[in-house]
């Protein structure tokens, strides 16, 4: 039924475009028209689709509440006596029965007998609303076509109206992006304020113990200190530092090679291959870290530890011999590999934006290529490269899957790369996984962490954009 409606509207829209163009040609004979026939056709197309889409959007917004009200109003007395959750489960199973499927649960009398009748009633309500919505959309499209047919004439500024609609659509898309950002910020701030009403901001930002499962009720929070986020900040900083130690030199040197030393053929082959890493899903990096890098580093450190046991560094040997697969070093190294194309691509574009006259002046003074890179190119591109590094840092701070699979979940206050640590994003996922009650500090702690992460990432992005902006102003 839905596909028939879509096909009908597509055919009707095409005919409206063709009819609008033909009607404009017929009515403009002997007169100079303001717009071309194609513009009148586009105007007719918009006049048909706009009211149809408006009706469909309104139906999508209000059909579910209306259907819920109708289902609730006509429910039998036995169904009305059920608890809210049981009633929702019964209505869901009745809807499945009405669609010809089997229920998820086994219901006893009298509810087993009511499933078929209620399923048919709910199915009829759903079909009636669906048919009514599609009929209203078709009527709106027809009325739009009639309105456009009356309006089409040589003096109609069809081109201006079409362009106004295009501007309106672009403005709506921009508004959606802005409103989404505002909604995210409002959601974070609102629930974070609820969390900070239960937990002290000072204890959250400077506490050294993170164990939210110890404090579920609000009256337990003050004495346990279980929401100190410093271990999470330390783990996030440690893994980000290791990742940047891998990504920054490798990505920067790759960019220097591709920009200054590689031939056009080599660059055309190496640059796309390098950027393939950017398209690999992070969960694949997590598998690579957990199944390849982690065991390899564990064997490496275990062998070194076994060699040191019994000697002057026996304590270090004992420690290294017990190193496990999950540690901050594994997550940081793999995350650094993931960030290499990010740093390399941005740095390469920035270096290519440096004016060629600076290179030519350096060569004219007798400098070699390496001296030109060190003394001219890198200083000129340094603000942009610094912005690229800051953007990569914000990307590393927000990574989740690699840390979850390679670094563990232990909230430890340590800067030892061989220890298991966790990060802010991993704890947000952990706190919001499964059925949670959003009235406890344990769950609301995720929003406090999210707001903190949002502020830090926003600050890094603002600094990076300011640096890049200053670089552009200098060389534009």
Protein backbone atom coordinates (compact mmCIF):
# COMPACT_ATOMS: atom_id res chain seq x y z
CA UNK A 1 0.00 0.00 0.00
CA UNK A 2 2.82 2.38 0.84
CA UNK A 3 4.66 1.59 -2.39
CA UNK A 4 1.52 2.22 -4.42
CA UNK A 5 1.19 5.63 -2.77
CA UNK A 6 4.85 6.48 -3.46
CA UNK A 7 4.60 5.43 -7.11
CA UNK A 8 1.35 7.39 -7.55
CA UNK A 9 2.88 10.55 -6.05
CA UNK A 10 6.03 10.20 -8.16
CA UNK A 11 3.96 9.90 -11.35
CA UNK A 12 1.72 12.76 -10.28
CA UNK A 13 4.76 14.96 -9.55
CA UNK A 14 6.28 14.25 -12.97
CA UNK A 15 2.97 15.03 -14.68
CA UNK A 16 2.70 18.24 -12.66
CA UNK A 17 6.13 19.36 -13.85
CA UNK A 18 5.29 18.56 -17.47
CA UNK A 19 1.82 20.11 -17.20
CA UNK A 20 3.14 23.29 -15.58
CA UNK A 21 5.73 23.79 -18.32
CA UNK A 22 3.18 23.12 -21.08
CA UNK A 23 0.61 25.42 -19.48
CA UNK A 24 3.17 28.22 -19.24
CA UNK A 25 4.00 27.86 -22.95
CA UNK A 26 0.35 27.88 -23.93
CA UNK A 27 -0.54 30.96 -21.83
CA UNK A 28 2.50 32.98 -22.88
CA UNK A 29 1.91 32.84 -26.62
CA UNK A 30 2.30 36.33 -28.01
CA UNK A 31 3.55 37.66 -24.64
CA UNK A 32 6.96 37.96 -23.06
CA UNK A 33 7.11 35.67 -20.03
CA UNK A 34 9.15 36.53 -16.98
CA UNK A 35 10.43 32.96 -16.44
CA UNK A 36 11.24 30.02 -18.66
CA UNK A 37 8.74 27.12 -18.98
CA UNK A 38 11.08 24.85 -16.98
CA UNK A 39 10.85 27.27 -14.06
CA UNK A 40 7.05 27.14 -14.22
CA UNK A 41 7.32 23.34 -14.24
CA UNK A 42 9.48 23.39 -11.14
CA UNK A 43 7.03 25.79 -9.51
CA UNK A 44 4.21 23.34 -10.25
CA UNK A 45 6.28 20.46 -8.90
CA UNK A 46 6.89 22.32 -5.64
CA UNK A 47 3.21 23.31 -5.43
CA UNK A 48 2.25 19.63 -5.55
CA UNK A 49 4.92 18.10 -3.33
CA UNK A 50 5.05 20.78 -0.61
CA UNK A 51 1.47 20.35 0.71
CA UNK A 52 1.71 16.57 0.31
CA UNK A 53 4.90 16.40 2.39
CA UNK A 54 3.43 18.80 4.96
CA UNK A 55 0.44 16.52 5.47
CA UNK A 56 2.68 13.44 5.71
CA UNK A 57 4.91 15.12 8.29
CA UNK A 58 1.95 16.18 10.39
CA UNK A 59 0.51 12.68 10.10
CA UNK A 60 3.80 11.13 11.18
CA UNK A 61 3.91 13.40 14.23
CA UNK A 62 0.30 13.05 15.38
CA UNK A 63 -0.78 9.62 14.12
CA UNK A 64 0.94 7.67 16.91
CA UNK A 65 -0.65 9.66 19.79
CA UNK A 66 -4.05 9.53 18.08
CA UNK A 67 -3.76 5.79 17.56
CA UNK A 68 -2.74 5.31 21.19
CA UNK A 69 -5.72 7.32 22.39
CA UNK A 70 -8.14 5.36 20.19
CA UNK A 71 -6.70 2.02 21.30
CA UNK A 72 -6.91 3.03 24.97
CA UNK A 73 -10.43 4.44 24.69
CA UNK A 74 -11.92 1.27 23.24
CA UNK A 75 -10.04 -1.26 25.37
CA UNK A 76 -12.11 -3.86 27.29
CA UNK A 77 -12.42 -3.56 31.05
CA UNK A 78 -10.11 -6.55 31.63
CA UNK A 79 -7.32 -4.81 29.70
CA UNK A 80 -7.84 -1.52 31.54
CA UNK A 81 -7.25 -3.31 34.85
CA UNK A 82 -3.74 -4.40 33.84
CA UNK A 83 -0.65 -2.61 35.14
CA UNK A 84 0.87 -0.12 32.66
CA UNK A 85 3.77 -2.36 31.64
CA UNK A 86 1.57 -5.46 31.31
CA UNK A 87 -0.95 -3.45 29.32
CA UNK A 88 1.73 -2.26 26.92
CA UNK A 89 2.92 -5.84 26.50
CA UNK A 90 -0.65 -7.02 25.83
CA UNK A 91 -1.26 -4.29 23.25
CA UNK A 92 2.04 -5.10 21.54
CA UNK A 93 1.10 -8.80 21.32
CA UNK A 94 -2.41 -7.92 20.14
CA UNK A 95 -0.90 -5.76 17.41
CA UNK A 96 1.29 -8.70 16.35
CA UNK A 97 -1.70 -11.01 16.25
CA UNK A 98 -3.62 -8.47 14.18
CA UNK A 99 -0.74 -8.45 11.67
CA UNK A 100 -0.76 -12.25 11.45
CA UNK A 101 2.22 -12.93 13.73
CA UNK A 102 2.45 -14.92 16.93
CA UNK A 103 2.50 -13.19 20.35
CA UNK A 104 5.71 -12.98 22.34
CA UNK A 105 4.10 -14.11 25.59
CA UNK A 106 1.64 -16.81 26.62
CA UNK A 107 -1.51 -15.20 28.02
CA UNK A 108 -4.05 -16.88 30.26
CA UNK A 109 -7.79 -16.40 30.20
CA UNK A 110 -9.46 -14.02 29.58
CA UNK A 111 -6.57 -12.25 27.83
CA UNK A 112 -5.83 -15.14 25.47
CA UNK A 113 -9.35 -14.85 24.05
CA UNK A 114 -9.07 -11.06 23.80
CA UNK A 115 -5.88 -11.12 21.73
CA UNK A 116 -7.66 -11.83 18.43
CA UNK A 117 -10.45 -9.28 18.90
CA UNK A 118 -8.11 -6.58 20.20
CA UNK A 119 -5.59 -7.37 17.48
CA UNK A 120 -8.23 -6.91 14.81
CA UNK A 121 -9.44 -3.66 16.36
CA UNK A 122 -5.92 -2.23 16.66
CA UNK A 123 -5.13 -3.31 13.12
CA UNK A 124 -8.26 -1.62 11.81
CA UNK A 125 -7.42 1.59 13.68
CA UNK A 126 -3.90 1.56 12.25
CA UNK A 127 -5.14 0.94 8.69
CA UNK A 128 -7.80 3.65 9.00
CA UNK A 129 -5.24 6.21 10.13
CA UNK A 130 -2.82 5.15 7.42
CA UNK A 131 -5.43 5.32 4.68
CA UNK A 132 -6.70 8.62 6.03
CA UNK A 133 -3.22 10.10 6.03
CA UNK A 134 -2.47 9.02 2.46
CA UNK A 135 -5.87 10.23 1.27
CA UNK A 136 -5.31 13.61 2.92
CA UNK A 137 -1.85 13.82 1.32
CA UNK A 138 -3.28 13.07 -2.15
CA UNK A 139 -6.04 15.65 -1.68
CA UNK A 140 -3.46 18.22 -0.58
CA UNK A 141 -1.38 17.47 -3.68
CA UNK A 142 -4.43 17.84 -5.94
CA UNK A 143 -5.41 21.14 -4.31
CA UNK A 144 -1.83 22.31 -4.74
CA UNK A 145 -1.93 21.41 -8.42
CA UNK A 146 -5.19 23.33 -8.89
CA UNK A 147 -3.75 26.36 -7.07
CA UNK A 148 -0.60 26.32 -9.23
CA UNK A 149 -2.60 25.91 -12.45
CA UNK A 150 -4.61 29.03 -11.59
CA UNK A 151 -1.45 31.01 -10.74
CA UNK A 152 0.62 30.17 -13.82
CA UNK A 153 0.68 33.11 -16.23
CA UNK A 154 3.34 35.03 -18.17
CA UNK A 155 3.78 37.67 -15.45
CA UNK A 156 4.37 35.07 -12.70
CA UNK A 157 7.89 35.28 -11.29
CA UNK A 158 8.27 31.52 -11.19
CA UNK A 159 12.07 31.58 -11.09
CA UNK A 160 12.11 33.84 -8.02
CA UNK A 161 9.57 31.66 -6.24
CA UNK A 162 11.50 28.47 -7.00
CA UNK A 163 14.72 30.07 -5.76
CA UNK A 164 12.91 31.25 -2.63
CA UNK A 165 11.80 27.67 -1.95
CA UNK A 166 15.37 26.46 -2.44
CA UNK A 167 16.64 29.07 0.00
CA UNK A 168 13.92 28.03 2.44
CA UNK A 169 14.95 24.36 2.21
CA UNK A 170 18.61 25.25 2.76
CA UNK A 171 17.64 27.44 5.71
CA UNK A 172 15.54 24.60 7.15
CA UNK A 173 18.50 22.20 6.87
CA UNK A 174 20.75 24.71 8.62
CA UNK A 175 18.08 25.23 11.28
CA UNK A 176 17.86 21.47 11.85
CA UNK A 177 21.62 21.33 12.45
CA UNK A 178 21.49 24.30 14.82
CA UNK A 179 18.43 23.04 16.68
CA UNK A 180 20.01 19.60 17.02
CA UNK A 181 23.06 21.18 18.61
CA UNK A 182 20.87 23.24 20.91
CA UNK A 183 18.87 20.14 21.84
CA UNK A 184 22.02 18.17 22.65
CA UNK A 185 23.37 20.99 24.81
CA UNK A 186 20.03 21.44 26.60
CA UNK A 187 19.75 17.71 27.27
CA UNK A 188 23.30 17.53 28.64
CA UNK A 189 22.95 20.64 30.78
CA UNK A 190 19.52 19.71 32.18
CA UNK A 191 20.46 16.19 33.27
CA UNK A 192 23.91 17.30 34.39
CA UNK A 193 22.30 19.85 36.72
CA UNK A 194 20.15 17.06 38.14
CA UNK A 195 23.30 15.01 38.73
CA UNK A 196 25.21 17.88 40.32
CA UNK A 197 22.27 18.49 42.64
CA UNK A 198 23.01 15.03 44.07
CA UNK A 199 26.81 15.03 43.78
CA UNK A 200 29.15 17.91 44.54
CA UNK A 201 30.86 19.43 41.51
CA UNK A 202 34.10 19.58 43.48
CA UNK A 203 33.91 15.87 44.37
CA UNK A 204 33.14 15.01 40.75
CA UNK A 205 35.98 17.02 39.21
CA UNK A 206 38.63 16.35 41.86
CA UNK A 207 37.62 13.03 43.45
CA UNK A 208 40.00 10.10 42.97
CA UNK A 209 37.56 7.21 43.35
CA UNK A 210 35.20 6.18 40.56
CA UNK A 211 32.82 3.42 41.55
CA UNK A 212 29.24 4.44 40.70
CA UNK A 213 27.80 1.04 41.58
CA UNK A 214 28.62 1.81 45.23
CA UNK A 215 26.15 4.68 45.37
CA UNK A 216 22.72 4.22 43.88
CA UNK A 217 20.62 6.31 46.27
CA UNK A 218 21.10 10.03 46.66
CA UNK A 219 21.61 9.69 50.43
CA UNK A 220 24.67 7.48 49.86
CA UNK A 221 26.56 9.86 47.61
CA UNK A 222 28.10 12.27 50.07
CA UNK A 223 29.84 9.64 52.22
CA UNK A 224 31.18 7.27 49.57
CA UNK A 225 32.89 9.67 47.17
CA UNK A 226 32.23 7.13 44.43
CA UNK A 227 31.85 9.70 41.67
CA UNK A 228 35.35 11.15 41.52
CA UNK A 229 36.12 11.40 37.79
CA UNK A 230 39.87 12.06 38.05
CA UNK A 231 40.74 8.40 37.19
CA UNK A 232 38.63 8.72 34.04
CA UNK A 233 40.31 11.99 33.07
CA UNK A 234 43.72 10.43 33.71
CA UNK A 235 42.91 7.38 31.58
CA UNK A 236 41.56 9.55 28.77
CA UNK A 237 44.65 11.78 28.88
CA UNK A 238 47.04 8.79 28.97
CA UNK A 239 45.52 7.04 25.97
CA UNK A 240 45.24 10.31 24.05
CA UNK A 241 48.91 11.07 24.77
CA UNK A 242 50.02 7.65 23.51
CA UNK A 243 47.84 7.97 20.42
CA UNK A 244 49.26 11.39 19.56
CA UNK A 245 52.80 10.10 20.17
CA UNK A 246 52.13 7.61 17.38
CA UNK A 247 49.96 9.68 15.04
CA UNK A 248 51.77 13.03 15.23
CA UNK A 249 55.25 12.03 13.99
CA UNK A 250 54.09 9.35 11.55
CA UNK A 251 51.32 11.51 10.11
CA UNK A 252 53.50 14.63 9.91
CA UNK A 253 56.44 12.84 8.28
CA UNK A 254 54.06 11.17 5.84
CA UNK A 255 52.64 14.58 4.94
CA UNK A 256 56.14 16.01 4.42
CA UNK A 257 57.06 13.13 2.13
CA UNK A 258 53.87 13.34 0.10
CA UNK A 259 54.04 17.12 -0.17
CA UNK A 260 57.75 17.67 -0.92
CA UNK A 261 59.52 14.45 -1.89
CA UNK A 262 57.03 12.08 -3.56
CA UNK A 263 56.56 12.12 -7.30
CA UNK A 264 53.11 12.67 -8.77
CA UNK A 265 52.74 8.95 -9.50
CA UNK A 266 53.79 7.94 -5.99
CA UNK A 267 51.54 10.56 -4.42
CA UNK A 268 48.57 9.41 -6.51
CA UNK A 269 49.07 5.86 -5.19
CA UNK A 270 50.24 6.39 -1.60
CA UNK A 271 47.82 9.14 -0.52
CA UNK A 272 44.61 7.19 -1.32
CA UNK A 273 46.07 4.05 0.27
CA UNK A 274 46.94 6.02 3.40
CA UNK A 275 43.48 7.54 3.59
CA UNK A 276 41.89 4.08 3.39
CA UNK A 277 42.70 3.81 7.09
CA UNK A 278 40.24 6.63 7.74
CA UNK A 279 37.40 4.50 6.35
CA UNK A 280 38.04 1.48 8.57
CA UNK A 281 35.34 1.19 11.29
CA UNK A 282 36.61 1.71 14.81
CA UNK A 283 35.26 -1.67 15.89
CA UNK A 284 37.66 -3.26 13.38
CA UNK A 285 40.50 -1.36 15.01
CA UNK A 286 39.24 -2.69 18.33
CA UNK A 287 39.38 -6.28 17.05
CA UNK A 288 42.88 -5.64 15.69
CA UNK A 289 43.98 -4.28 19.06
CA UNK A 290 42.42 -7.07 21.10
CA UNK A 291 43.44 -10.01 18.88
CA UNK A 292 46.76 -8.91 17.38
CA UNK A 293 48.46 -5.93 19.03
CA UNK A 294 47.53 -6.85 22.62
CA UNK A 295 48.83 -10.44 22.52
CA UNK A 296 51.96 -9.33 20.62
CA UNK A 297 52.85 -6.68 23.21
CA UNK A 298 52.04 -9.06 26.07
CA UNK A 299 54.44 -11.67 24.69
CA UNK A 300 57.08 -8.98 24.14
CA UNK A 301 56.92 -7.63 27.69
CA UNK A 302 56.58 -11.11 29.21
CA UNK A 303 59.77 -12.23 27.47
CA UNK A 304 61.63 -9.15 28.70
CA UNK A 305 60.30 -9.75 32.21
CA UNK A 306 61.41 -13.40 32.20
CA UNK A 307 64.89 -12.28 31.15
CA UNK A 308 65.10 -9.81 34.06
CA UNK A 309 63.83 -12.20 36.75
CA UNK A 310 66.61 -13.17 39.16
CA UNK A 311 68.79 -10.19 38.33
CA UNK A 312 69.19 -6.69 39.74
CA UNK A 313 65.85 -5.72 38.16
CA UNK A 314 63.97 -8.70 39.55
CA UNK A 315 61.00 -6.56 40.67
CA UNK A 316 60.61 -5.04 37.20
CA UNK A 317 60.96 -8.51 35.68
CA UNK A 318 58.22 -9.89 37.92
CA UNK A 319 55.95 -7.01 36.93
CA UNK A 320 56.58 -7.32 33.19
CA UNK A 321 56.05 -11.08 33.27
CA UNK A 322 52.49 -10.49 34.49
CA UNK A 323 51.47 -7.92 31.86
CA UNK A 324 48.11 -8.80 30.22
CA UNK A 325 46.61 -8.16 26.80
CA UNK A 326 44.49 -5.19 27.88
CA UNK A 327 46.48 -2.05 28.68
CA UNK A 328 46.58 1.62 27.81
CA UNK A 329 49.56 1.14 25.50
CA UNK A 330 47.60 -1.19 23.21
CA UNK A 331 44.62 1.15 22.91
CA UNK A 332 46.85 4.19 22.44
CA UNK A 333 48.98 2.61 19.71
CA UNK A 334 46.00 1.38 17.70
CA UNK A 335 44.19 4.67 18.15
CA UNK A 336 47.32 6.42 16.90
CA UNK A 337 47.25 4.25 13.78
CA UNK A 338 43.63 5.25 13.27
CA UNK A 339 44.55 8.95 13.53
CA UNK A 340 47.48 8.79 11.08
CA UNK A 341 45.41 9.55 7.95
CA UNK A 342 43.62 12.33 9.83
CA UNK A 343 46.88 14.10 10.73
CA UNK A 344 48.56 13.28 7.42
CA UNK A 345 45.75 14.51 5.19
CA UNK A 346 45.24 17.78 7.06
CA UNK A 347 48.97 18.49 7.33
CA UNK A 348 49.50 17.69 3.64
CA UNK A 349 46.74 20.10 2.59
CA UNK A 350 48.18 22.80 4.85
CA UNK A 351 51.70 22.36 3.47
CA UNK A 352 50.43 22.50 -0.10
CA UNK A 353 48.70 25.78 0.79
CA UNK A 354 52.01 27.43 1.67
CA UNK A 355 52.89 29.81 -1.20
CA UNK A 356 55.39 28.39 -3.68
CA UNK A 357 57.24 31.71 -3.62
CA UNK A 358 58.55 30.90 -0.13
CA UNK A 359 60.10 27.68 -1.41
CA UNK A 360 61.52 29.38 -4.48
CA UNK A 361 63.07 32.11 -2.33
CA UNK A 362 64.70 29.50 -0.10
CA UNK A 363 66.09 27.57 -3.08
CA UNK A 364 67.37 30.84 -4.59
CA UNK A 365 69.36 31.44 -1.39
CA UNK A 366 71.07 28.06 -1.86
CA UNK A 367 69.09 26.05 0.70
CA UNK A 368 68.58 22.34 0.15
CA UNK A 369 65.14 20.69 0.14
CA UNK A 370 65.52 19.41 3.71
CA UNK A 371 66.67 22.85 4.89
CA UNK A 372 63.71 24.45 3.11
CA UNK A 373 61.35 22.04 4.86
CA UNK A 374 62.87 22.70 8.30
CA UNK A 375 63.50 26.44 8.04
CA UNK A 376 60.70 27.64 5.75
CA UNK A 377 57.88 25.16 5.15
CA UNK A 378 57.30 23.88 8.69
CA UNK A 379 57.44 27.32 10.35
CA UNK A 380 55.04 28.71 7.74
CA UNK A 381 52.64 25.76 8.11
CA UNK A 382 53.07 25.39 11.88
CA UNK A 383 49.81 27.13 12.90
CA UNK A 384 47.80 24.92 10.55
CA UNK A 385 49.64 21.79 11.64
CA UNK A 386 49.00 22.69 15.28
CA UNK A 387 45.30 23.05 14.47
CA UNK A 388 45.34 19.61 12.81
CA UNK A 389 46.97 18.10 15.91
CA UNK A 390 44.35 19.66 18.19
CA UNK A 391 41.55 18.32 16.00
CA UNK A 392 43.17 14.87 16.13
CA UNK A 393 43.37 15.15 19.93
CA UNK A 394 39.64 15.90 20.14
CA UNK A 395 39.01 12.88 17.92
CA UNK A 396 41.12 10.70 20.22
CA UNK A 397 39.33 11.93 23.34
CA UNK A 398 35.96 10.89 21.92
CA UNK A 399 36.96 7.37 20.84
CA UNK A 400 35.11 4.50 22.55
CA UNK A 401 35.29 1.11 20.85
CA UNK A 402 39.08 0.76 20.76
CA UNK A 403 39.37 1.64 24.45
CA UNK A 404 36.56 -0.72 25.42
CA UNK A 405 38.12 -3.69 23.63
CA UNK A 406 41.80 -2.98 24.26
CA UNK A 407 42.21 -1.02 27.51
CA UNK A 408 39.62 -2.57 29.82
CA UNK A 409 37.06 -1.01 32.15
CA UNK A 410 39.09 -0.51 35.32
CA UNK A 411 39.02 3.08 36.58
CA UNK A 412 42.60 3.43 37.87
CA UNK A 413 44.40 6.63 38.72
CA UNK A 414 47.66 5.80 36.96
CA UNK A 415 49.90 7.03 34.17
CA UNK A 416 51.48 3.62 33.65
CA UNK A 417 50.83 2.61 30.00
CA UNK A 418 51.00 -1.08 30.93
CA UNK A 419 47.98 -0.86 33.26
CA UNK A 420 44.33 -1.31 32.34
CA UNK A 421 42.51 2.02 32.35
CA UNK A 422 39.21 3.41 31.17
CA UNK A 423 38.09 6.68 29.63
CA UNK A 424 35.19 9.07 29.91
CA UNK A 425 33.42 7.80 26.79
CA UNK A 426 33.68 4.15 27.84
CA UNK A 427 32.11 4.93 31.20
CA UNK A 428 29.28 6.83 29.52
CA UNK A 429 28.49 3.74 27.45
CA UNK A 430 28.77 1.50 30.50
CA UNK A 431 26.46 3.65 32.62
CA UNK A 432 23.77 3.87 29.92
CA UNK A 433 23.84 0.23 28.82
CA UNK A 434 20.74 -1.83 29.61
CA UNK A 435 17.64 -0.83 31.55
CA UNK A 436 18.45 2.17 33.69
CA UNK A 437 16.49 4.47 35.95
CA UNK A 438 17.17 8.12 35.19
CA UNK A 439 16.54 9.28 38.74
CA UNK A 440 19.67 7.84 40.31
CA UNK A 441 23.09 9.52 40.38
CA UNK A 442 24.60 6.35 38.92
CA UNK A 443 22.81 6.89 35.60
CA UNK A 444 22.86 10.68 35.64
CA UNK A 445 26.64 10.55 36.08
CA UNK A 446 26.83 9.77 32.36
CA UNK A 447 25.42 13.20 31.58
CA UNK A 448 27.93 14.88 33.89
CA UNK A 449 30.72 13.06 32.07
CA UNK A 450 29.17 13.93 28.72
CA UNK A 451 28.98 17.63 29.58
CA UNK A 452 32.60 17.64 30.73
CA UNK A 453 33.71 15.86 27.56
CA UNK A 454 31.64 18.24 25.45
CA UNK A 455 33.26 21.30 27.05
CA UNK A 456 36.79 19.91 26.64
CA UNK A 457 36.24 18.88 23.02
CA UNK A 458 34.58 22.19 22.21
CA UNK A 459 37.52 24.08 23.71
CA UNK A 460 40.00 22.05 21.64
CA UNK A 461 38.00 22.64 18.46
CA UNK A 462 37.74 26.37 19.13
CA UNK A 463 41.49 26.64 19.72
CA UNK A 464 42.17 24.63 16.55
CA UNK A 465 39.84 26.78 14.47
CA UNK A 466 41.42 29.97 15.84
CA UNK A 467 44.88 28.70 14.95
CA UNK A 468 43.81 27.68 11.45
CA UNK A 469 42.02 31.01 10.98
CA UNK A 470 45.15 32.93 11.95
CA UNK A 471 47.16 30.82 9.49
CA UNK A 472 44.72 31.57 6.68
CA UNK A 473 44.74 35.28 7.43
CA UNK A 474 48.53 35.26 7.26
CA UNK A 475 48.79 33.62 3.84
CA UNK A 476 45.57 34.58 2.03
